[in-house]
Protein backbone atom coordinates (compact mmCIF):
# COMPACT_ATOMS: atom_id res chain seq x y z
CA MET A 1 0.00 0.00 0.00
CA THR A 2 3.08 2.24 -0.12
CA ASN A 3 1.95 3.77 -3.43
CA SER A 4 -1.04 5.51 -1.78
CA VAL A 5 -0.85 9.27 -2.25
CA ASN A 6 -1.39 12.27 0.03
CA THR A 7 -3.55 14.34 -2.34
CA ARG A 8 -6.74 13.45 -4.14
CA SER A 9 -8.56 15.74 -6.58
CA VAL A 10 -12.25 14.98 -6.62
CA GLY A 11 -13.41 16.54 -9.89
CA SER A 12 -16.83 15.18 -10.80
CA ALA A 13 -16.40 11.95 -8.80
CA SER A 14 -19.21 11.02 -6.42
CA SER A 15 -16.95 9.12 -4.03
CA VAL A 16 -13.40 8.91 -2.70
CA THR A 17 -11.58 5.63 -2.06
CA PHE A 18 -9.34 5.48 1.01
CA ASP A 19 -6.59 2.87 1.56
CA GLY A 20 -5.63 2.29 5.17
CA HIS A 21 -4.19 0.21 7.97
CA GLY A 22 -5.50 -0.90 11.35
CA TYR A 23 -8.75 -0.58 13.27
CA GLY A 24 -9.11 1.78 16.21
CA HIS A 25 -6.86 4.35 17.82
CA GLY A 26 -3.82 2.07 17.70
CA ILE A 27 -2.59 3.01 21.18
CA GLY A 28 -1.15 0.23 23.34
CA MET A 29 -1.83 -3.40 22.53
CA SER A 30 -3.13 -4.53 19.17
CA GLN A 31 -5.55 -7.39 19.83
CA TYR A 32 -4.78 -8.93 16.45
CA GLY A 33 -1.11 -8.26 17.10
CA ALA A 34 -1.32 -10.19 20.38
CA ARG A 35 -2.89 -13.03 18.41
CA GLY A 36 -0.06 -12.85 15.87
CA GLY A 37 2.57 -12.89 18.61
CA ALA A 38 0.93 -15.90 20.24
CA LEU A 39 0.89 -17.72 16.90
CA GLN A 40 4.67 -17.15 16.77
CA GLY A 41 5.08 -18.75 20.20
CA LYS A 42 5.36 -15.57 22.28
CA LEU A 43 4.25 -15.69 25.92
CA ALA A 44 1.76 -13.22 27.36
CA SER A 45 4.56 -11.57 29.34
CA GLN A 46 6.52 -10.98 26.11
CA ILE A 47 3.49 -9.66 24.29
CA LEU A 48 2.63 -7.22 27.07
CA ALA A 49 6.24 -6.04 27.41
CA THR A 50 6.21 -5.19 23.69
CA TYR A 51 3.04 -3.10 23.81
CA TYR A 52 3.53 -1.58 27.29
CA PRO A 53 7.33 -1.25 27.66
CA GLY A 54 8.51 -0.26 31.12
CA THR A 55 5.54 -1.77 32.98
CA ALA A 56 5.80 -4.67 35.44
CA LEU A 57 3.49 -7.55 36.30
CA LYS A 58 2.19 -7.44 39.88
CA SER A 59 -0.64 -9.00 41.88
CA GLN A 60 -3.72 -6.98 42.91
CA ALA A 61 -7.07 -8.19 44.27
CA ARG A 62 -9.89 -5.64 44.38
CA TYR A 63 -13.63 -5.23 43.88
CA ILE A 64 -15.01 -3.14 41.04
CA ARG A 65 -18.39 -1.45 40.43
CA VAL A 66 -19.69 -1.70 36.87
CA LEU A 67 -22.49 0.53 35.61
CA VAL A 68 -25.02 -1.56 33.66
CA GLY A 69 -25.94 0.74 30.80
CA ALA A 70 -28.87 -1.28 29.46
CA ASP A 71 -30.81 -1.03 32.75
CA ASP A 72 -31.85 2.59 32.50
CA ASP A 73 -35.47 2.68 33.68
CA GLY A 74 -34.69 4.09 37.14
CA SER A 75 -35.22 0.90 39.16
CA THR A 76 -33.42 -2.44 39.63
CA ALA A 77 -35.22 -5.80 39.31
CA VAL A 78 -33.93 -9.39 39.55
CA VAL A 79 -35.53 -12.78 38.98
CA ALA A 80 -36.54 -14.48 42.24
CA GLN A 81 -34.41 -17.50 43.19
CA SER A 82 -33.31 -19.55 46.17
CA GLY A 83 -30.39 -18.04 48.08
CA LEU A 84 -31.07 -14.44 47.03
CA ARG A 85 -30.31 -11.84 49.69
CA PHE A 86 -31.11 -8.18 50.22
CA LEU A 87 -28.37 -5.99 51.74
CA GLN A 88 -28.74 -2.40 52.94
CA GLY A 89 -26.46 -0.90 55.56
CA SER A 90 -26.46 -3.36 58.50
CA THR A 91 -29.61 -5.10 57.21
CA SER A 92 -29.24 -8.52 55.58
CA LEU A 93 -32.38 -10.43 54.58
CA SER A 94 -32.89 -13.77 52.90
CA LEU A 95 -35.54 -13.14 50.24
CA PRO A 96 -38.17 -15.87 49.98
CA THR A 97 -39.48 -17.46 46.81
CA THR A 98 -43.01 -17.38 48.21
CA VAL A 99 -44.79 -14.74 50.31
CA SER A 100 -48.12 -15.58 52.04
CA GLY A 101 -48.39 -18.67 49.88
CA ARG A 102 -47.89 -16.72 46.64
CA ALA A 103 -44.96 -17.56 44.36
CA VAL A 104 -42.58 -14.64 43.81
CA SER A 105 -41.28 -14.14 40.27
CA TYR A 106 -39.27 -10.90 40.66
CA TRP A 107 -37.82 -8.60 43.31
CA ARG A 108 -37.37 -4.89 42.61
CA ILE A 109 -35.82 -1.88 44.32
CA GLU A 110 -37.41 1.37 43.20
CA PRO A 111 -37.93 4.96 44.42
CA LEU A 112 -40.72 5.41 46.96
CA SER A 113 -43.59 7.19 45.22
CA ALA A 114 -44.24 9.51 48.19
CA ASP A 115 -40.58 10.59 48.39
CA ARG A 116 -38.37 9.48 45.50
CA ARG A 117 -35.22 10.22 47.47
CA LYS A 118 -36.05 7.06 49.44
CA SER A 119 -36.30 3.49 48.16
CA VAL A 120 -38.72 0.62 48.64
CA LEU A 121 -38.38 -3.17 48.19
CA ARG A 122 -41.15 -4.81 46.18
CA TYR A 123 -41.92 -8.28 44.83
CA LYS A 124 -44.05 -9.52 41.96
CA SER A 125 -46.57 -12.30 42.37
CA GLY A 126 -48.73 -13.08 39.38
CA SER A 127 -49.21 -9.73 37.66
CA THR A 128 -49.12 -7.65 40.85
CA TRP A 129 -46.25 -5.80 42.52
CA ARG A 130 -46.41 -5.60 46.30
CA THR A 131 -44.31 -3.81 48.91
CA TYR A 132 -42.31 -6.18 51.13
CA ASN A 133 -42.46 -5.64 54.92
CA ASN A 134 -43.12 -1.90 54.48
CA MET A 135 -39.37 -1.40 54.11
CA THR A 136 -38.09 2.03 53.06
CA TRP A 137 -34.61 3.52 53.35
CA SER A 138 -32.24 6.17 52.03
CA GLY A 139 -29.15 5.28 50.01
CA SER A 140 -28.09 2.33 47.88
CA ALA A 141 -29.00 -1.34 48.42
CA ASP A 142 -27.93 -4.68 46.93
CA PHE A 143 -29.31 -7.97 45.75
CA ALA A 144 -26.67 -10.63 46.43
CA ALA A 145 -26.08 -14.23 45.34
CA THR A 146 -23.36 -16.30 43.68
CA THR A 147 -25.12 -15.52 40.39
CA MET A 148 -28.46 -13.87 39.70
CA ARG A 149 -30.47 -12.67 36.71
CA LEU A 150 -31.06 -8.98 36.18
CA ALA A 151 -34.37 -8.19 34.48
CA LEU A 152 -33.84 -5.65 31.69
CA PRO A 153 -36.36 -2.93 30.74
CA GLY A 154 -36.81 -4.22 27.20
CA GLY A 155 -37.40 -7.80 28.32
CA GLY A 156 -34.98 -10.65 28.83
CA THR A 157 -32.33 -11.09 31.50
CA THR A 158 -28.57 -10.98 31.92
CA THR A 159 -26.76 -13.03 34.57
CA TYR A 160 -24.32 -11.29 36.92
CA ARG A 161 -22.13 -12.38 39.81
CA TYR A 162 -21.98 -11.39 43.49
CA LYS A 163 -24.02 -8.18 43.89
CA ILE A 164 -26.48 -6.20 41.80
CA ARG A 165 -26.78 -2.74 43.32
CA ALA A 166 -29.64 -0.27 43.05
CA ALA A 167 -27.35 2.73 43.36
CA GLN A 168 -28.48 6.16 44.47
CA SER A 169 -25.94 8.50 42.95
CA SER A 170 -26.56 11.19 45.58
CA SER A 171 -28.85 11.77 48.56
CA SER A 172 -31.17 13.84 46.36
CA ALA A 173 -31.31 11.42 43.39
CA THR A 174 -34.84 10.35 42.44
CA THR A 175 -33.88 7.42 40.21
CA ARG A 176 -31.72 4.34 40.78
CA ARG A 177 -28.93 3.13 38.50
CA THR A 178 -27.96 -0.52 38.34
CA VAL A 179 -24.36 -1.36 39.24
CA ASN A 180 -22.73 -4.81 39.33
CA VAL A 181 -20.26 -5.16 42.22
CA LEU A 182 -17.78 -8.05 41.96
CA ASN A 183 -14.10 -8.95 42.16
CA LEU A 184 -11.71 -8.04 39.37
CA ASP A 185 -11.18 -11.62 38.19
CA ASP A 186 -14.90 -12.26 37.78
CA TYR A 187 -15.22 -8.88 36.07
CA THR A 188 -12.46 -9.88 33.65
CA ARG A 189 -14.32 -13.12 32.87
CA GLY A 190 -17.25 -10.99 31.68
CA VAL A 191 -14.99 -8.79 29.54
CA LEU A 192 -12.64 -11.22 27.85
CA ALA A 193 -15.00 -13.15 25.57
CA ARG A 194 -16.65 -9.87 24.52
CA GLU A 195 -13.34 -8.26 23.54
CA VAL A 196 -11.67 -11.12 21.60
CA PRO A 197 -12.78 -14.47 20.16
CA ALA A 198 -12.53 -17.28 22.73
CA SER A 199 -11.01 -19.47 19.98
CA TRP A 200 -7.83 -17.37 19.85
CA PRO A 201 -4.47 -18.78 21.07
CA THR A 202 -4.10 -19.09 24.83
CA GLU A 203 -1.29 -16.55 25.18
CA ALA A 204 -3.32 -13.94 23.29
CA LEU A 205 -6.24 -14.56 25.66
CA ARG A 206 -3.91 -14.32 28.66
CA SER A 207 -2.50 -11.02 27.36
CA GLN A 208 -5.99 -9.59 26.90
CA ALA A 209 -7.05 -10.83 30.36
CA ILE A 210 -4.20 -8.96 32.04
CA ALA A 211 -4.78 -5.82 29.97
CA ALA A 212 -8.53 -5.84 30.68
CA ARG A 213 -8.06 -6.49 34.40
CA THR A 214 -5.52 -3.68 34.62
CA TYR A 215 -7.80 -1.29 32.75
CA GLY A 216 -10.52 -2.09 35.25
CA LEU A 217 -8.21 -1.63 38.23
CA ARG A 218 -7.08 1.78 37.01
CA SER A 219 -10.72 2.86 36.75
CA ILE A 220 -11.49 2.25 40.43
CA SER A 221 -12.27 5.55 42.17
CA SER A 222 -14.11 6.66 45.29
CA SER A 223 -15.24 9.88 43.61
CA ARG A 224 -18.46 8.42 42.13
CA TYR A 225 -20.97 5.63 42.69
CA TYR A 226 -19.50 3.35 39.98
CA ASP A 227 -16.00 2.73 38.64
CA ILE A 228 -16.44 1.74 35.00
CA CYS A 229 -19.16 1.37 32.35
CA ASP A 230 -19.94 -1.78 30.34
CA THR A 231 -19.75 -0.40 26.78
CA THR A 232 -17.04 0.45 24.25
CA SER A 233 -16.75 3.84 25.98
CA CYS A 234 -14.86 1.88 28.68
CA GLN A 235 -14.44 -1.78 27.78
CA VAL A 236 -17.23 -4.17 26.84
CA TYR A 237 -18.59 -6.22 29.76
CA GLY A 238 -21.40 -8.76 29.52
CA GLY A 239 -21.53 -10.21 33.03
CA ALA A 240 -21.62 -13.95 33.68
CA SER A 241 -23.78 -14.35 30.56
CA ALA A 242 -20.72 -13.53 28.44
CA GLU A 243 -18.36 -16.05 29.99
CA ASP A 244 -16.74 -18.90 28.05
CA SER A 245 -14.74 -21.82 29.45
CA ARG A 246 -11.72 -20.97 27.27
CA THR A 247 -11.54 -17.33 28.32
CA ASP A 248 -12.33 -18.32 31.92
CA ALA A 249 -9.22 -20.51 31.84
CA ALA A 250 -7.11 -17.57 30.65
CA VAL A 251 -8.45 -15.43 33.51
CA ALA A 252 -7.81 -18.18 36.08
CA SER A 253 -4.25 -18.75 34.87
CA THR A 254 -3.47 -15.02 35.25
CA SER A 255 -5.50 -14.51 38.45
CA ASN A 256 -4.99 -11.05 40.02
CA ARG A 257 -2.14 -10.25 37.62
CA VAL A 258 -2.02 -6.63 36.47
CA LEU A 259 0.48 -4.27 34.84
CA MET A 260 1.90 -1.55 37.07
CA TYR A 261 4.00 1.48 36.20
CA GLY A 262 5.71 2.49 39.40
CA SER A 263 3.05 2.34 42.10
CA ALA A 264 0.06 2.92 39.79
CA PRO A 265 -1.89 0.63 37.47
CA ALA A 266 -0.90 1.20 33.85
CA LEU A 267 -3.32 2.72 31.37
CA THR A 268 -3.60 -0.44 29.28
CA GLN A 269 -5.33 0.94 26.22
CA PHE A 270 -5.83 -1.48 23.35
CA SER A 271 -7.49 -1.57 19.97
CA SER A 272 -8.40 -4.18 17.40
CA SER A 273 -5.45 -3.70 15.05
CA SER A 274 -2.42 -1.39 14.97
CA GLY A 275 -1.95 -1.79 11.22
CA GLY A 276 1.75 -2.54 11.72
CA PHE A 277 2.83 0.33 13.99
CA THR A 278 1.25 1.37 17.28
CA ASN A 279 0.29 4.94 18.01
CA ALA A 280 1.84 6.98 20.81
CA GLY A 281 -0.42 7.66 23.79
CA SER A 282 -0.48 9.86 26.87
CA GLN A 283 1.85 7.76 29.04
CA PRO A 284 5.60 7.05 28.74
CA TYR A 285 4.92 3.32 28.24
CA LEU A 286 2.43 4.01 25.43
CA ARG A 287 5.08 4.47 22.77
CA ALA A 288 4.85 4.17 19.00
CA VAL A 289 6.47 0.80 18.26
CA ALA A 290 6.76 -1.35 15.14
CA ASP A 291 4.23 -4.19 15.26
CA PRO A 292 4.95 -6.91 12.68
CA TRP A 293 2.73 -9.37 14.62
CA ASP A 294 -0.31 -7.38 13.48
CA GLY A 295 0.24 -8.59 9.94
CA ALA A 296 -0.32 -12.26 10.75
CA SER A 297 -2.68 -14.10 8.42
CA GLY A 298 -6.33 -13.79 9.40
CA ASN A 299 -6.34 -10.12 10.43
CA PRO A 300 -9.04 -8.43 8.30
CA ASN A 301 -8.10 -5.00 9.63
CA HIS A 302 -4.35 -4.84 8.92
CA ASP A 303 -5.03 -3.51 5.39
CA TRP A 304 -8.34 -2.11 4.26
CA THR A 305 -10.06 -0.08 1.56
CA SER A 306 -13.11 2.09 2.09
CA THR A 307 -15.15 4.09 -0.41
CA VAL A 308 -16.80 7.23 1.02
CA ALA A 309 -19.43 9.33 -0.73
CA VAL A 310 -18.32 12.90 -1.45
CA SER A 311 -21.64 14.04 0.00
CA THR A 312 -20.69 12.45 3.36
CA ILE A 313 -17.52 14.52 3.49
CA GLU A 314 -19.39 17.68 2.48
CA ARG A 315 -22.10 17.17 5.11
CA ALA A 316 -19.43 16.83 7.79
CA ASN A 317 -17.79 20.07 6.62
CA PRO A 318 -20.55 22.30 5.15
CA SER A 319 -18.44 25.47 5.19
CA ILE A 320 -16.26 24.26 2.30
CA GLY A 321 -19.13 24.01 -0.20
CA SER A 322 -18.52 21.43 -2.92
CA LEU A 323 -15.44 19.32 -2.22
CA THR A 324 -12.68 19.65 -4.81
CA ARG A 325 -9.56 18.23 -3.15
CA LEU A 326 -8.24 16.39 -0.07
CA GLU A 327 -4.65 16.92 1.11
CA VAL A 328 -2.84 15.11 3.91
CA VAL A 329 -0.89 17.96 5.52
CA LYS A 330 0.98 16.02 8.20
CA ARG A 331 1.60 12.41 9.26
CA ASN A 332 3.14 11.01 12.44
CA GLY A 333 6.13 9.48 10.65
CA HIS A 334 5.65 5.87 11.76
CA GLY A 335 5.22 3.12 9.18
CA ASP A 336 3.80 2.77 5.68
CA MET A 337 2.76 5.97 3.82
CA GLY A 338 4.53 8.01 6.51
CA GLY A 339 2.14 6.85 9.22
CA ARG A 340 -1.13 8.05 10.66
CA VAL A 341 -2.73 11.26 9.49
CA VAL A 342 -2.16 14.11 11.94
CA SER A 343 -3.96 16.75 9.85
CA LEU A 344 -6.03 16.68 6.68
CA LYS A 345 -7.00 19.69 4.55
CA LEU A 346 -10.35 19.67 2.77
CA VAL A 347 -10.60 22.15 -0.10
CA GLY A 348 -13.94 23.16 -1.54
CA SER A 349 -15.70 25.69 -3.74
CA ARG A 350 -16.27 28.10 -0.83
CA GLY A 351 -13.08 27.61 1.15
CA SER A 352 -11.07 25.04 3.06
CA VAL A 353 -10.80 23.52 6.54
CA THR A 354 -8.09 21.47 8.22
CA VAL A 355 -9.17 18.65 10.53
CA SER A 356 -7.27 16.08 12.57
CA GLY A 357 -6.87 12.52 11.38
CA PRO A 358 -9.07 11.11 14.17
CA VAL A 359 -11.82 13.65 13.38
CA ALA A 360 -11.69 12.67 9.71
CA ARG A 361 -11.77 8.98 10.63
CA PHE A 362 -15.01 9.25 12.58
CA ALA A 363 -16.66 11.74 10.21
CA PHE A 364 -15.95 9.57 7.16
CA GLY A 365 -16.59 6.20 8.87
CA LEU A 366 -13.03 4.89 8.40
CA LYS A 367 -11.47 2.09 10.47
CA SER A 368 -8.55 4.24 11.62
CA ASP A 369 -6.69 7.51 11.08
CA TRP A 370 -3.96 5.72 9.11
CA PHE A 371 -5.05 6.27 5.53
CA GLY A 372 -4.15 7.58 2.09
CA PHE A 373 -5.86 7.73 -1.30
């Protein structure tokens, strides 16, 4: 792809074809690169040392609070089951599966209608919700069990481990947000199979397990009611429902292992594919390094081509009028074509604008900011 150019005149064309490398921001570990390294016989420790140079493997055991984004209706409900407990402050109750001879199908914590700053515990029997023991309180409360099923607003359930919390974000909050509280290893079990295929080589899975666990550890903070979210804005987490025996084995074999830089957990950013050279990040161990492992057979993101409608580019930059030319002004200097795009000039009938490579990537729907024409 070295014959890609830095300038493209549009003329009367209705689209522009981009040639590129990699998928994602390219900072830290390439997931496909870790796979490629494992296929070459590299150990997880060697893979991690390549992508996070200067970090050290240590042991840390903590609990983490994960915001469950899909449960956004202001209350928290779980499927009734044997062994389910309710925890609030010093109160610990075993929740029955029948009340007054009626089978219980669900338990729910929700705001009290008379004062939504307080909460109430309710159960469902048949089609009716009833208040349990006239209990009300202020603050957060938990459902607890080895595993339990969270009932989602749109129907269906997801299984989680340890505690499902109806969290009150502040004393004046009038809704509840659902937070899964569990240890870092169990959290990593719910991340790993969502981030990479469970069929990948063991050492690639072990590398991802350590990176994901470390990313979670670094997110732990007492400044808010949760530590990390469960979407791509943080790292994808699917609870116990997402677990797989192969990824579970990778988590177990790296139990409590994290990457530290000095006394702090490393910022273990990762992306799908580096394209052959990682991108520099905000930390001294997030360096731009050559990544030949990323080019291993089976990586669909190492090289790519994408055709973008001229109208898409014009809609993203209306001030330029009709697009006439694209010019890569600056690259980062690492790898094929001169590396990732730092700045791109868009020239049109009414003027021009210069945007960053990442801005262009998202506006045009490209896999990365490493592209040419």
